[in-house]
Every structure is written in C-alpha cells, then in structure tokens.
Amino acid sequence: MLRVYNTLTRENEDFVPLNGKKVNMYVCGPTVYDHCHLGHARSYVSFDIIRRYLMYRGYNVNYVSNITDVDDKVIDRAKESGEDAFELSKKFTESFEEDMQALGVMEPDTRPKVTEHIEDIIDTVATLIDNGAAYSTSKGNVYYDLQKSADRIGILSHQTVEGLMEGSGCRIDVEDDKKYQLDFVLWKNSPGNEPGWDSPWGRGRPGWHIECTVMSMKYCSEQLDIHGGGLDLVFPHHEAEIHQSESCTGKHPFSKYWMHNGFLTIDKEKMSKSLGNFFTIKEVLAKFPPGTIRFFIVYTHYRSTIDFSEDALVEAGKARQRLLNTISNVKHAVSEATDNNADCGLSELMDETRSSFVESMDDDFNTREAIGNLFVFSRKVNSILTNEKPGRNSLENVLDFFSEINEVLGIFEDDSKKTSEKESSGLSDEDIKEMIELRERARIDRDWATADSIRDKLKEKGIVIEDGKEGVRWKRV
C-alpha cells in the first residue's frame, strides 16, 4: 500500500484517491520574472518522480502546473529592465520550459497561465463576494475575509493566529483598507502604468493566491487528490488556497493530500532569489550533465533538505556513473552472448530488486532507499557478468528492467544524445574494441611496452581488460 506524508495532518497516510484510480494532482508553477534556479529544479523534479511513480503503479494522473505570468515581481522586474511585462514573462516562461525539458521533467497535462484566465478569476472573486467570504474596498481592492473561516486559520501551517500575525508584516501585503491584518488580496488595483484588466471593482489584476484556486478547479476538480509545492508555499499561499477554495465551493477538503518538497540550501541557507544566494538551472547545466543534476536531486528524499555544492554534484555524477557503467557492461555482454537459456540467477535478482524498489517508493516515495537498492543490484549483476555467462535473453531482460526503473526515476537518460558509454569515459564500444585490437597486435609482435600502455590507458578510462582462454573480455567499472 502506497503511503504519503500529508502536511495537513503531519502523518503518513494510506494513499486512497477520491475517485478510484483517477488522481488529480496540482503543483504550483513558477513566477516567471527571471531564469529559474536550482531550488525550482528540486521541486519540479521531485514532483515529476511522484507523478511518474503514480503512473507506474497504475494510477491515471491528471497533472496540472501553472505559470504565474503577471505578478508584482514580474512588473517590478519589467520596470527595472525597461521591458514590456508580458514580453518579459513570455521570455522567462520559455526559459523555464527549456530547463524542465533538459532535466527530463515531463510536461504537465495542462500548463495554464494567469493572463489567459482573467475572466475565470474575476468570476471566482465575484462568487466569494456573493458568498459573503470576501469584500471590496473603495480603493478597488478585493480581500478574502479571514474572519469568515477563522476556525481554519493555521490549518496547514500548524501555527497559532498570534504567530501568523507576528510574521504577516513581511509575508502578507499590509494595506490600510483591510478589515483584518491576515486578510489577503484576491483582486488588486492596478495604476494606469501597470498591467491591468477591467473588473466590477475597477481596473486591476489578480492577487497571487486566487490563480491556483481557479486553475486547479478548472483543470482538475473542485477537490484535489494531491496539491504540491515547495515548503515555502505552506503559508501564506497554500493556506490561503484552502480558505478561498472551500469558501467558494463549500466542499471540504480542498485537497486530500498536501505534499511539500524540502529546501535546497547553500551553506545551510535556503536558496532564493531574494537572498541572492542562488545558481540558475542554466548556470549549473553549463557545468554538469542534466542526468547528474537530476540524480543529485533524486538521491535525496523529496522532503529532506539538500545542501548544494559543486563537490556534491561531482560525487553524484560519480555515483550515477557506476549505474550507467553496469548498463554498458550488460549491453556489451549482450553483444557477445549466445542464445542459450542460461539465467544465472538474474530473474530472481530482478524480482527481488523490483519488490524492494516498490517497497521503498511506497514509503512516501523514498528515492534514496530505492536507488540504494539499485546499487546493490548493480554490484550483483557485475559479479554475474564476471563469473558466469548468462544467455542473451536474460541479459536483455536486465536492460528492460533498467528501462522500467528509468520510466520512474529518469536518471539513466543519455545526456548529450551520444551513447552513455561515450559520455562516461570518452570511449565508445567501437573505440574500446579498436584499442583492444591494437593491443593484441602489439602482443603478437611482442611489443609489451605498447600493449601495457594501451591496457593502462583503458584502465584510466574505467575499462578493465580480462585475458582468458576464450579471448579478451572487457568491462566498465
């Protein structure tokens, strides 16, 4: 039974969707005012894994993730740069999509943008006013009246009203036309020099929180199975969504499971643009293959903090390479294998590893443990290849098993459209075979210095040669 950690209850719970095998999953997308940083990559890769595993387990996942393309941050950045706000957000939307494609993140089933849903947002705000859950002011602002659902304040953040009041000054807009300090804006008045749309309350633009209520209900349902995002969104964003969504529909809960990924830090501080301690995804991609970055993220449980450093990425690349080398070794063994039915224990090993993989992932998507099991599998496969001669069919089944796991984790993808062997060692299978042939000629000519030199060069590249009665065998280590 799949179990997930629910931020709402702060407990691991059995995963039982609201409607059979159908899963409506909404994950908050980026505000596109700059290139995305590695913290964004951490979030979207994490939820990509969760989505993929749900699909692997037979769920029909409807995955929606939005784009916030109008917002105070977008407008402020456009003023700084002298660009049109909509052109700026379009540019950074494209940048974000390029980053996600590079990191192997599957596209959402729907990726709605705020600017394309203004009428829907206005209609929802009007509904909240009609329901008595929101109020407009003479300044053209509309606020959610938090006193109408005061009993649910702190429901997701698990903080007291007093605690939220103390922190609200820097996290919630504090305008003088609010009834209550914690009331949050649904529709915000826009000056003539800023983007805005006509509404019953005057020219303005959506508040930050309302967009996710509107788009999740339009493309998923009025009640979600999973709502996800970074830990920093718990308050005020996700808590505001609960208030406004449930007040709009009268249905509880707005989302059955709330899931949040942990922070990505630098020197133990959260990576963020506001702190200035961030690396963009593009900057990191310029130094490391996308598969290494993805592995670096996946090799930590999604709720745990990851502390970023280039050294940590280097180590992640080395660890991932060990798994890639095993795949390469199996491919090489396939090329030399006969059509005999020798299994050599590979089928049983795959069954055991698949069971342990599912057991780990069923435990709140424990990718760290799941990948640890893959390393054990990898070592045992390499031992079998060294000491025995499995038949071609069994070896091809091993490759199929790696592909099966890759459908979930996405860590075995070819980073550069070259073979993984070429990427890892700088040598393709053909290069290796050619060097081995040169070494054999040197041995025939009793040119031991050249033969030893070739062997040493191969070893430096992680290629080990084994001379035997039946000829030369090689493998990647």
Protein backbone atom coordinates (compact mmCIF):
# COMPACT_ATOMS: atom_id res chain seq x y z
CA MET A 1 0.00 0.00 0.00
CA LEU A 2 1.37 3.38 -1.02
CA ARG A 3 1.67 5.77 1.91
CA VAL A 4 2.36 9.51 1.66
CA TYR A 5 3.22 12.19 4.18
CA ASN A 6 0.39 14.71 4.42
CA THR A 7 1.39 18.20 5.57
CA LEU A 8 -2.23 18.78 6.55
CA THR A 9 -2.24 16.02 9.18
CA ARG A 10 1.54 15.75 9.66
CA GLU A 11 1.22 11.99 9.33
CA ASN A 12 1.97 9.24 6.83
CA GLU A 13 -1.35 8.11 5.38
CA ASP A 14 -2.56 5.38 3.06
CA PHE A 15 -2.98 6.86 -0.41
CA VAL A 16 -6.63 6.48 -1.39
CA PRO A 17 -7.70 8.88 -4.17
CA LEU A 18 -11.15 10.43 -4.12
CA ASN A 19 -12.19 8.72 -7.35
CA GLY A 20 -10.77 5.24 -7.72
CA LYS A 21 -7.57 5.19 -9.78
CA LYS A 22 -8.00 8.76 -11.04
CA VAL A 23 -5.58 11.22 -9.42
CA ASN A 24 -6.00 14.97 -9.79
CA MET A 25 -2.61 16.47 -8.96
CA TYR A 26 -1.85 20.20 -8.93
CA VAL A 27 1.63 21.63 -8.37
CA CYS A 28 2.26 25.37 -8.11
CA GLY A 29 4.37 26.58 -11.02
CA PRO A 30 6.95 29.38 -11.15
CA THR A 31 6.57 33.13 -11.18
CA VAL A 32 8.41 33.92 -14.41
CA TYR A 33 10.38 37.09 -13.77
CA ASP A 34 13.87 35.56 -14.08
CA HIS A 35 15.64 32.34 -15.03
CA CYS A 36 14.71 29.58 -12.61
CA HIS A 37 17.25 28.50 -10.01
CA LEU A 38 18.24 25.07 -8.78
CA GLY A 39 15.68 25.26 -5.97
CA HIS A 40 12.96 25.25 -8.63
CA ALA A 41 14.60 22.24 -10.24
CA ARG A 42 14.48 20.44 -6.88
CA SER A 43 10.72 20.98 -6.64
CA TYR A 44 9.71 20.08 -10.18
CA VAL A 45 11.99 17.05 -10.45
CA SER A 46 10.64 15.80 -7.11
CA PHE A 47 7.03 16.05 -8.21
CA ASP A 48 7.93 14.61 -11.61
CA ILE A 49 9.14 11.49 -9.78
CA ILE A 50 5.94 11.36 -7.72
CA ARG A 51 3.82 11.67 -10.85
CA ARG A 52 5.82 9.02 -12.70
CA TYR A 53 5.62 6.57 -9.82
CA LEU A 54 1.86 7.01 -9.52
CA MET A 55 1.61 6.18 -13.22
CA TYR A 56 3.92 3.20 -12.70
CA ARG A 57 1.55 1.96 -10.00
CA GLY A 58 -1.39 2.13 -12.40
CA TYR A 59 -2.97 5.45 -11.48
CA ASN A 60 -4.49 7.71 -14.12
CA VAL A 61 -2.79 11.00 -13.23
CA ASN A 62 -4.11 14.36 -14.37
CA TYR A 63 -1.16 16.66 -13.67
CA VAL A 64 -1.65 20.43 -13.77
CA SER A 65 1.01 23.06 -13.04
CA ASN A 66 0.50 26.76 -13.66
CA ILE A 67 2.58 29.70 -14.82
CA THR A 68 2.32 32.97 -12.87
CA ASP A 69 2.96 35.43 -15.70
CA VAL A 70 1.55 38.54 -14.07
CA ASP A 71 2.62 39.45 -10.55
CA ASP A 72 4.28 42.26 -8.63
CA LYS A 73 7.68 40.60 -9.14
CA VAL A 74 7.13 40.44 -12.92
CA ILE A 75 6.00 44.07 -13.04
CA ASP A 76 8.88 45.30 -10.87
CA ARG A 77 11.46 43.44 -12.95
CA ALA A 78 9.98 44.82 -16.16
CA LYS A 79 10.27 48.35 -14.77
CA GLU A 80 13.90 47.73 -13.82
CA SER A 81 14.81 46.38 -17.24
CA GLY A 82 12.61 48.70 -19.28
CA GLU A 83 10.86 45.72 -20.90
CA ASP A 84 7.20 45.10 -21.52
CA ALA A 85 5.94 42.97 -18.62
CA PHE A 86 4.21 40.46 -20.89
CA GLU A 87 7.24 40.09 -23.15
CA LEU A 88 9.44 39.58 -20.10
CA SER A 89 7.19 36.87 -18.67
CA LYS A 90 6.97 35.16 -22.06
CA LYS A 91 10.78 35.09 -22.31
CA PHE A 92 11.21 33.54 -18.89
CA THR A 93 8.36 31.09 -19.43
CA GLU A 94 10.24 29.76 -22.44
CA SER A 95 13.44 29.64 -20.36
CA PHE A 96 11.68 27.62 -17.67
CA GLU A 97 10.26 25.17 -20.20
CA GLU A 98 13.73 24.69 -21.72
CA ASP A 99 15.15 23.92 -18.26
CA MET A 100 12.43 21.38 -17.49
CA GLN A 101 12.95 19.65 -20.83
CA ALA A 102 16.69 19.45 -20.21
CA LEU A 103 16.13 17.89 -16.78
CA GLY A 104 13.73 15.29 -18.16
CA VAL A 105 10.66 16.67 -16.39
CA MET A 106 7.51 15.52 -18.16
CA GLU A 107 5.25 18.29 -19.42
CA PRO A 108 2.07 18.77 -17.37
CA ASP A 109 -1.19 17.63 -18.91
CA THR A 110 -2.16 21.29 -18.63
CA ARG A 111 0.07 24.32 -18.00
CA PRO A 112 -2.35 27.26 -17.63
CA LYS A 113 -1.22 30.87 -17.41
CA VAL A 114 -2.74 33.54 -15.23
CA THR A 115 -3.13 36.04 -18.07
CA GLU A 116 -5.24 33.52 -20.01
CA HIS A 117 -7.71 33.08 -17.12
CA ILE A 118 -8.57 36.61 -16.03
CA GLU A 119 -12.31 36.20 -16.65
CA ASP A 120 -12.36 32.94 -14.69
CA ILE A 121 -10.57 34.68 -11.82
CA ILE A 122 -12.99 37.62 -11.85
CA ASP A 123 -15.95 35.21 -11.78
CA THR A 124 -14.48 33.32 -8.79
CA VAL A 125 -13.77 36.53 -6.87
CA ALA A 126 -17.37 37.61 -7.54
CA THR A 127 -18.61 34.27 -6.19
CA LEU A 128 -16.61 34.74 -2.99
CA ILE A 129 -18.13 38.22 -2.55
CA ASP A 130 -21.61 36.83 -3.14
CA ASN A 131 -20.93 34.09 -0.59
CA GLY A 132 -20.00 36.71 2.00
CA ALA A 133 -16.40 35.42 2.15
CA ALA A 134 -14.80 38.47 0.50
CA TYR A 135 -15.25 42.23 0.41
CA SER A 136 -14.28 45.06 -1.93
CA THR A 137 -12.94 48.45 -0.84
CA SER A 138 -13.15 51.98 -2.14
CA LYS A 139 -9.56 51.63 -3.38
CA GLY A 140 -10.55 48.94 -5.86
CA ASN A 141 -9.08 46.05 -3.88
CA VAL A 142 -10.90 42.84 -3.00
CA TYR A 143 -9.87 40.85 0.09
CA TYR A 144 -10.73 37.47 1.47
CA ASP A 145 -12.44 37.99 4.83
CA LEU A 146 -10.48 35.57 7.00
CA GLN A 147 -12.85 36.10 9.92
CA LYS A 148 -15.39 34.07 7.92
CA SER A 149 -13.21 30.97 8.29
CA ALA A 150 -11.31 31.92 11.45
CA ASP A 151 -11.58 28.39 12.82
CA ARG A 152 -9.32 27.19 10.00
CA ILE A 153 -6.53 29.74 10.39
CA GLY A 154 -3.26 27.84 10.70
CA ILE A 155 -4.81 24.62 9.39
CA LEU A 156 -1.86 23.83 7.10
CA SER A 157 0.99 25.77 8.68
CA HIS A 158 0.05 24.48 12.15
CA GLN A 159 0.78 27.91 13.59
CA THR A 160 -1.26 29.96 16.02
CA VAL A 161 -3.04 33.14 14.99
CA GLU A 162 -0.61 35.07 17.16
CA GLY A 163 2.37 33.50 15.41
CA LEU A 164 0.95 34.26 11.99
CA MET A 165 0.16 37.83 12.98
CA GLU A 166 3.75 38.38 14.08
CA GLY A 167 5.11 37.18 10.76
CA SER A 168 2.49 38.65 8.48
CA GLY A 169 4.13 42.04 8.13
CA CYS A 170 6.79 40.72 5.79
CA ARG A 171 4.79 37.91 4.17
CA ILE A 172 1.35 39.37 3.54
CA ASP A 173 0.58 42.73 1.92
CA VAL A 174 -0.36 45.18 4.67
CA GLU A 175 -2.76 47.76 3.24
CA ASP A 176 -4.77 50.24 5.24
CA ASP A 177 -8.07 49.24 3.68
CA LYS A 178 -8.13 45.73 5.17
CA LYS A 179 -10.59 44.76 7.86
CA TYR A 180 -8.14 42.33 9.45
CA GLN A 181 -4.36 42.05 9.25
CA LEU A 182 -4.39 38.47 7.94
CA ASP A 183 -6.94 39.15 5.18
CA PHE A 184 -5.31 38.51 1.82
CA VAL A 185 -5.86 40.18 -1.52
CA LEU A 186 -7.92 38.49 -4.23
CA TRP A 187 -8.03 41.41 -6.69
CA LYS A 188 -5.54 44.24 -6.60
CA ASN A 189 -5.98 47.74 -8.01
CA SER A 190 -3.59 48.49 -10.89
CA PRO A 191 -2.33 52.01 -11.65
CA GLY A 192 -2.58 53.09 -15.26
CA ASN A 193 1.10 52.41 -15.93
CA GLU A 194 0.87 48.76 -14.82
CA PRO A 195 -0.84 45.74 -16.41
CA GLY A 196 -4.50 45.51 -15.50
CA TRP A 197 -7.93 44.36 -16.60
CA ASP A 198 -11.38 45.86 -16.18
CA SER A 199 -13.48 44.31 -13.42
CA PRO A 200 -16.60 45.13 -11.37
CA TRP A 201 -14.26 46.61 -8.75
CA GLY A 202 -12.19 48.72 -11.13
CA ARG A 203 -9.09 48.17 -13.20
CA GLY A 204 -6.78 45.68 -11.54
CA ARG A 205 -5.06 42.30 -11.57
CA PRO A 206 -5.33 39.04 -9.64
CA GLY A 207 -3.82 38.53 -6.23
CA TRP A 208 -1.26 35.73 -6.05
CA HIS A 209 -3.31 33.07 -4.27
CA ILE A 210 -6.56 33.15 -6.24
CA GLU A 211 -5.00 31.97 -9.50
CA CYS A 212 -4.24 28.48 -8.19
CA THR A 213 -7.77 28.02 -6.85
CA VAL A 214 -9.23 28.99 -10.19
CA MET A 215 -6.93 26.95 -12.41
CA SER A 216 -6.83 23.84 -10.24
CA MET A 217 -10.62 23.70 -10.08
CA LYS A 218 -10.95 24.34 -13.81
CA TYR A 219 -8.47 21.71 -14.99
CA CYS A 220 -8.65 19.20 -12.13
CA SER A 221 -11.72 19.30 -9.91
CA GLU A 222 -13.21 21.22 -7.00
CA GLN A 223 -11.44 18.75 -4.73
CA LEU A 224 -7.89 17.63 -5.45
CA ASP A 225 -6.18 14.40 -4.53
CA ILE A 226 -2.71 15.97 -4.30
CA HIS A 227 -1.65 19.58 -4.07
CA GLY A 228 2.11 20.04 -4.14
CA GLY A 229 4.80 22.67 -3.99
CA GLY A 230 7.83 23.83 -2.08
CA LEU A 231 7.84 24.00 1.71
CA ASP A 232 7.94 27.81 1.50
CA LEU A 233 4.44 27.81 -0.03
CA VAL A 234 2.70 26.30 3.01
CA PHE A 235 1.99 29.79 4.34
CA PRO A 236 0.55 32.04 3.15
CA HIS A 237 -0.03 30.66 -0.35
CA HIS A 238 -1.39 27.16 0.22
CA GLU A 239 -3.24 28.07 3.37
CA ALA A 240 -4.92 30.92 1.51
CA GLU A 241 -5.93 28.47 -1.22
CA ILE A 242 -7.68 26.28 1.35
CA HIS A 243 -9.70 29.21 2.72
CA GLN A 244 -10.79 30.65 -0.61
CA SER A 245 -11.40 27.32 -2.38
CA GLU A 246 -13.52 25.77 0.35
CA SER A 247 -15.45 29.04 0.81
CA CYS A 248 -16.10 29.12 -2.92
CA THR A 249 -17.41 25.56 -3.27
CA GLY A 250 -18.49 24.61 0.25
CA LYS A 251 -16.58 21.34 -0.18
CA HIS A 252 -14.03 20.04 2.30
CA PRO A 253 -11.18 19.28 1.98
CA PHE A 254 -9.94 21.30 -0.97
CA SER A 255 -7.07 18.82 -1.29
CA LYS A 256 -6.97 15.43 0.41
CA TYR A 257 -3.15 15.28 0.49
CA TRP A 258 -0.80 18.25 0.75
CA MET A 259 2.78 17.42 -0.24
CA HIS A 260 5.79 19.71 0.06
CA ASN A 261 9.39 19.21 -1.00
CA GLY A 262 12.23 20.32 1.26
CA PHE A 263 14.54 23.24 0.61
CA LEU A 264 17.72 23.27 -1.43
CA THR A 265 20.29 25.21 0.55
CA ILE A 266 23.72 26.77 0.12
CA ASP A 267 25.80 26.80 3.29
CA LYS A 268 22.65 25.79 5.20
CA GLU A 269 20.63 28.78 3.94
CA LYS A 270 17.63 28.34 1.65
CA MET A 271 18.49 29.07 -1.99
CA SER A 272 16.35 32.00 -3.10
CA LYS A 273 16.47 34.99 -5.39
CA SER A 274 15.56 37.33 -2.54
CA LEU A 275 18.69 36.29 -0.64
CA GLY A 276 20.85 36.41 -3.75
CA ASN A 277 22.42 33.04 -2.96
CA PHE A 278 21.25 31.12 -5.97
CA PHE A 279 22.52 29.42 -9.10
CA THR A 280 20.25 29.31 -12.11
CA ILE A 281 19.50 25.95 -13.66
CA LYS A 282 21.22 27.14 -16.82
CA GLU A 283 24.39 28.02 -14.91
CA VAL A 284 24.56 24.55 -13.39
CA LEU A 285 23.69 22.86 -16.71
CA ALA A 286 26.68 24.65 -18.25
CA LYS A 287 28.96 22.73 -15.86
CA PHE A 288 27.19 19.42 -15.28
CA PRO A 289 25.16 16.99 -17.42
CA PRO A 290 21.41 17.13 -16.81
CA GLY A 291 21.40 13.49 -15.72
CA THR A 292 23.88 14.30 -12.97
CA ILE A 293 21.75 17.20 -11.73
CA ARG A 294 18.63 15.06 -11.74
CA PHE A 295 20.43 12.25 -9.91
CA PHE A 296 21.74 14.76 -7.35
CA ILE A 297 18.14 15.77 -6.62
CA VAL A 298 16.61 12.29 -6.70
CA TYR A 299 19.25 10.72 -4.48
CA THR A 300 17.74 12.58 -1.52
CA HIS A 301 14.23 12.02 -0.17
CA TYR A 302 11.97 14.75 -1.53
CA ARG A 303 11.11 16.09 1.94
CA SER A 304 14.71 16.32 3.10
CA THR A 305 16.93 19.37 2.72
CA ILE A 306 19.68 19.20 0.09
CA ASP A 307 22.79 21.32 0.64
CA PHE A 308 24.20 22.35 -2.72
CA SER A 309 27.85 22.41 -3.68
CA GLU A 310 29.81 21.62 -6.81
CA ASP A 311 31.63 18.88 -4.90
CA ALA A 312 28.28 17.26 -4.09
CA LEU A 313 27.34 17.33 -7.77
CA VAL A 314 30.68 15.77 -8.72
CA GLU A 315 30.08 12.94 -6.24
CA ALA A 316 26.53 12.50 -7.56
CA GLY A 317 27.92 12.20 -11.08
CA LYS A 318 30.35 9.51 -9.99
CA ALA A 319 27.64 7.55 -8.21
CA ARG A 320 25.32 7.74 -11.20
CA GLN A 321 28.14 6.67 -13.48
CA ARG A 322 28.51 3.40 -11.60
CA LEU A 323 24.95 2.52 -12.56
CA LEU A 324 25.49 3.65 -16.15
CA ASN A 325 28.61 1.52 -16.34
CA THR A 326 26.62 -1.55 -15.33
CA ILE A 327 24.14 -0.87 -18.12
CA SER A 328 27.05 -0.53 -20.51
CA ASN A 329 28.55 -3.80 -19.27
CA VAL A 330 25.25 -5.59 -19.83
CA LYS A 331 24.98 -4.15 -23.34
CA HIS A 332 28.48 -5.39 -24.08
CA ALA A 333 27.62 -8.82 -22.68
CA VAL A 334 24.53 -8.95 -24.90
CA SER A 335 26.70 -8.34 -27.95
CA GLU A 336 28.82 -11.37 -27.08
CA ALA A 337 26.15 -13.64 -25.60
CA THR A 338 24.78 -16.79 -27.19
CA ASP A 339 21.13 -17.72 -27.48
CA ASN A 340 21.34 -20.23 -24.64
CA ASN A 341 18.78 -20.10 -21.83
CA ALA A 342 21.27 -19.64 -19.00
CA ASP A 343 19.70 -17.30 -16.46
CA CYS A 344 22.43 -17.43 -13.78
CA GLY A 345 20.05 -16.10 -11.14
CA LEU A 346 19.27 -12.84 -12.96
CA SER A 347 15.48 -13.34 -13.00
CA GLU A 348 15.32 -13.90 -9.26
CA LEU A 349 17.61 -10.92 -8.68
CA MET A 350 15.37 -8.68 -10.79
CA ASP A 351 12.24 -9.85 -8.97
CA GLU A 352 13.84 -9.14 -5.60
CA THR A 353 15.04 -5.71 -6.69
CA ARG A 354 11.68 -4.77 -8.20
CA SER A 355 9.94 -5.74 -4.96
CA SER A 356 12.38 -3.71 -2.87
CA PHE A 357 12.05 -0.76 -5.28
CA VAL A 358 8.26 -0.76 -4.91
CA GLU A 359 8.51 -1.18 -1.14
CA SER A 360 10.83 1.85 -0.90
CA MET A 361 8.78 4.04 -3.22
CA ASP A 362 5.54 3.04 -1.48
CA ASP A 363 7.07 4.51 1.68
CA ASP A 364 6.39 8.16 0.79
CA PHE A 365 8.44 7.96 -2.42
CA ASN A 366 11.73 7.08 -0.73
CA THR A 367 14.02 7.51 -3.73
CA ARG A 368 17.14 7.46 -1.58
CA GLU A 369 16.44 3.92 -0.42
CA ALA A 370 15.20 2.86 -3.84
CA ILE A 371 18.44 3.94 -5.52
CA GLY A 372 20.45 2.29 -2.75
CA ASN A 373 18.75 -0.98 -3.74
CA LEU A 374 19.75 -0.35 -7.35
CA PHE A 375 23.41 -0.10 -6.35
CA VAL A 376 23.15 -3.50 -4.67
CA PHE A 377 21.51 -4.88 -7.82
CA SER A 378 24.24 -3.32 -9.97
CA ARG A 379 27.06 -4.92 -7.98
CA LYS A 380 25.44 -8.34 -8.16
CA VAL A 381 24.87 -8.05 -11.91
CA ASN A 382 28.51 -7.13 -12.48
CA SER A 383 29.58 -10.12 -10.39
CA ILE A 384 27.43 -12.43 -12.51
CA LEU A 385 28.86 -10.95 -15.71
CA THR A 386 32.40 -11.52 -14.45
CA ASN A 387 31.94 -15.07 -13.24
CA GLU A 388 29.23 -16.55 -15.43
CA LYS A 389 27.79 -16.43 -18.94
CA PRO A 390 24.09 -15.55 -18.96
CA GLY A 391 22.17 -16.05 -22.19
CA ARG A 392 21.20 -13.18 -24.41
CA ASN A 393 17.52 -13.26 -23.42
CA SER A 394 18.31 -12.93 -19.69
CA LEU A 395 20.70 -10.08 -20.34
CA GLU A 396 18.14 -8.25 -22.47
CA ASN A 397 15.65 -8.67 -19.62
CA VAL A 398 18.13 -6.87 -17.36
CA LEU A 399 18.25 -3.97 -19.80
CA ASP A 400 14.45 -3.93 -19.91
CA PHE A 401 14.43 -3.80 -16.10
CA PHE A 402 16.72 -0.77 -16.08
CA SER A 403 14.40 0.87 -18.63
CA GLU A 404 11.41 0.07 -16.42
CA ILE A 405 13.05 1.77 -13.43
CA ASN A 406 14.12 4.67 -15.62
CA GLU A 407 10.47 5.34 -16.51
CA VAL A 408 10.07 6.33 -12.87
CA LEU A 409 13.41 7.89 -11.91
CA GLY A 410 14.61 9.24 -15.26
CA ILE A 411 18.27 9.01 -14.18
CA PHE A 412 19.62 6.78 -16.95
CA GLU A 413 18.85 9.11 -19.85
CA ASP A 414 21.56 9.89 -22.39
CA ASP A 415 22.60 13.44 -21.52
CA SER A 416 24.13 14.52 -24.79
CA LYS A 417 22.49 12.40 -27.48
CA LYS A 418 25.65 10.32 -27.55
CA THR A 419 25.88 6.86 -26.09
CA SER A 420 26.21 6.75 -22.32
CA GLU A 421 29.47 4.88 -22.84
CA LYS A 422 30.93 7.72 -24.89
CA GLU A 423 29.72 10.24 -22.33
CA SER A 424 31.15 8.42 -19.37
CA SER A 425 34.63 7.52 -20.50
CA GLY A 426 35.17 9.39 -23.73
CA LEU A 427 35.27 5.99 -25.45
CA SER A 428 32.50 4.25 -27.32
CA ASP A 429 32.29 0.46 -27.57
CA GLU A 430 33.85 0.73 -31.03
CA ASP A 431 36.75 2.80 -29.69
CA ILE A 432 37.42 0.21 -27.00
CA LYS A 433 37.35 -2.70 -29.41
CA GLU A 434 39.76 -0.87 -31.72
CA MET A 435 42.20 -0.26 -28.85
CA ILE A 436 41.97 -3.91 -27.81
CA GLU A 437 42.78 -4.97 -31.37
CA LEU A 438 45.83 -2.67 -31.36
CA ARG A 439 46.91 -4.20 -28.08
CA GLU A 440 46.54 -7.71 -29.49
CA ARG A 441 48.71 -6.82 -32.48
CA ALA A 442 51.34 -5.40 -30.10
CA ARG A 443 51.24 -8.62 -28.08
CA ILE A 444 51.66 -10.71 -31.24
CA ASP A 445 54.65 -8.54 -32.15
CA ARG A 446 55.94 -8.98 -28.57
CA ASP A 447 55.78 -5.23 -28.13
CA TRP A 448 54.97 -5.49 -24.45
CA ALA A 449 55.51 -1.81 -23.72
CA THR A 450 52.81 -0.76 -26.21
CA ALA A 451 50.44 -3.47 -25.05
CA ASP A 452 50.83 -2.44 -21.42
CA SER A 453 50.44 1.23 -22.33
CA ILE A 454 47.11 0.54 -24.06
CA ARG A 455 45.91 -1.51 -21.13
CA ASP A 456 46.85 1.31 -18.72
CA LYS A 457 45.08 3.94 -20.84
CA LEU A 458 41.92 1.84 -20.87
CA LYS A 459 42.13 1.38 -17.12
CA GLU A 460 42.37 5.15 -16.64
CA LYS A 461 39.09 5.43 -18.54
CA GLY A 462 37.43 2.88 -16.29
CA ILE A 463 37.81 -0.04 -18.74
CA VAL A 464 39.20 -3.29 -17.32
CA ILE A 465 40.58 -5.95 -19.67
CA GLU A 466 40.44 -9.63 -18.75
CA ASP A 467 42.62 -12.03 -20.78
CA GLY A 468 41.23 -15.55 -20.85
CA LYS A 469 41.38 -18.81 -22.79
CA GLU A 470 38.44 -17.71 -24.92
CA GLY A 471 39.94 -14.33 -25.75
CA VAL A 472 39.82 -10.85 -24.30
CA ARG A 473 36.84 -9.64 -22.29
CA TRP A 474 36.37 -6.08 -21.08
CA LYS A 475 34.03 -4.27 -18.75
CA ARG A 476 33.43 -0.81 -17.35
CA VAL A 477 33.96 -0.28 -13.62
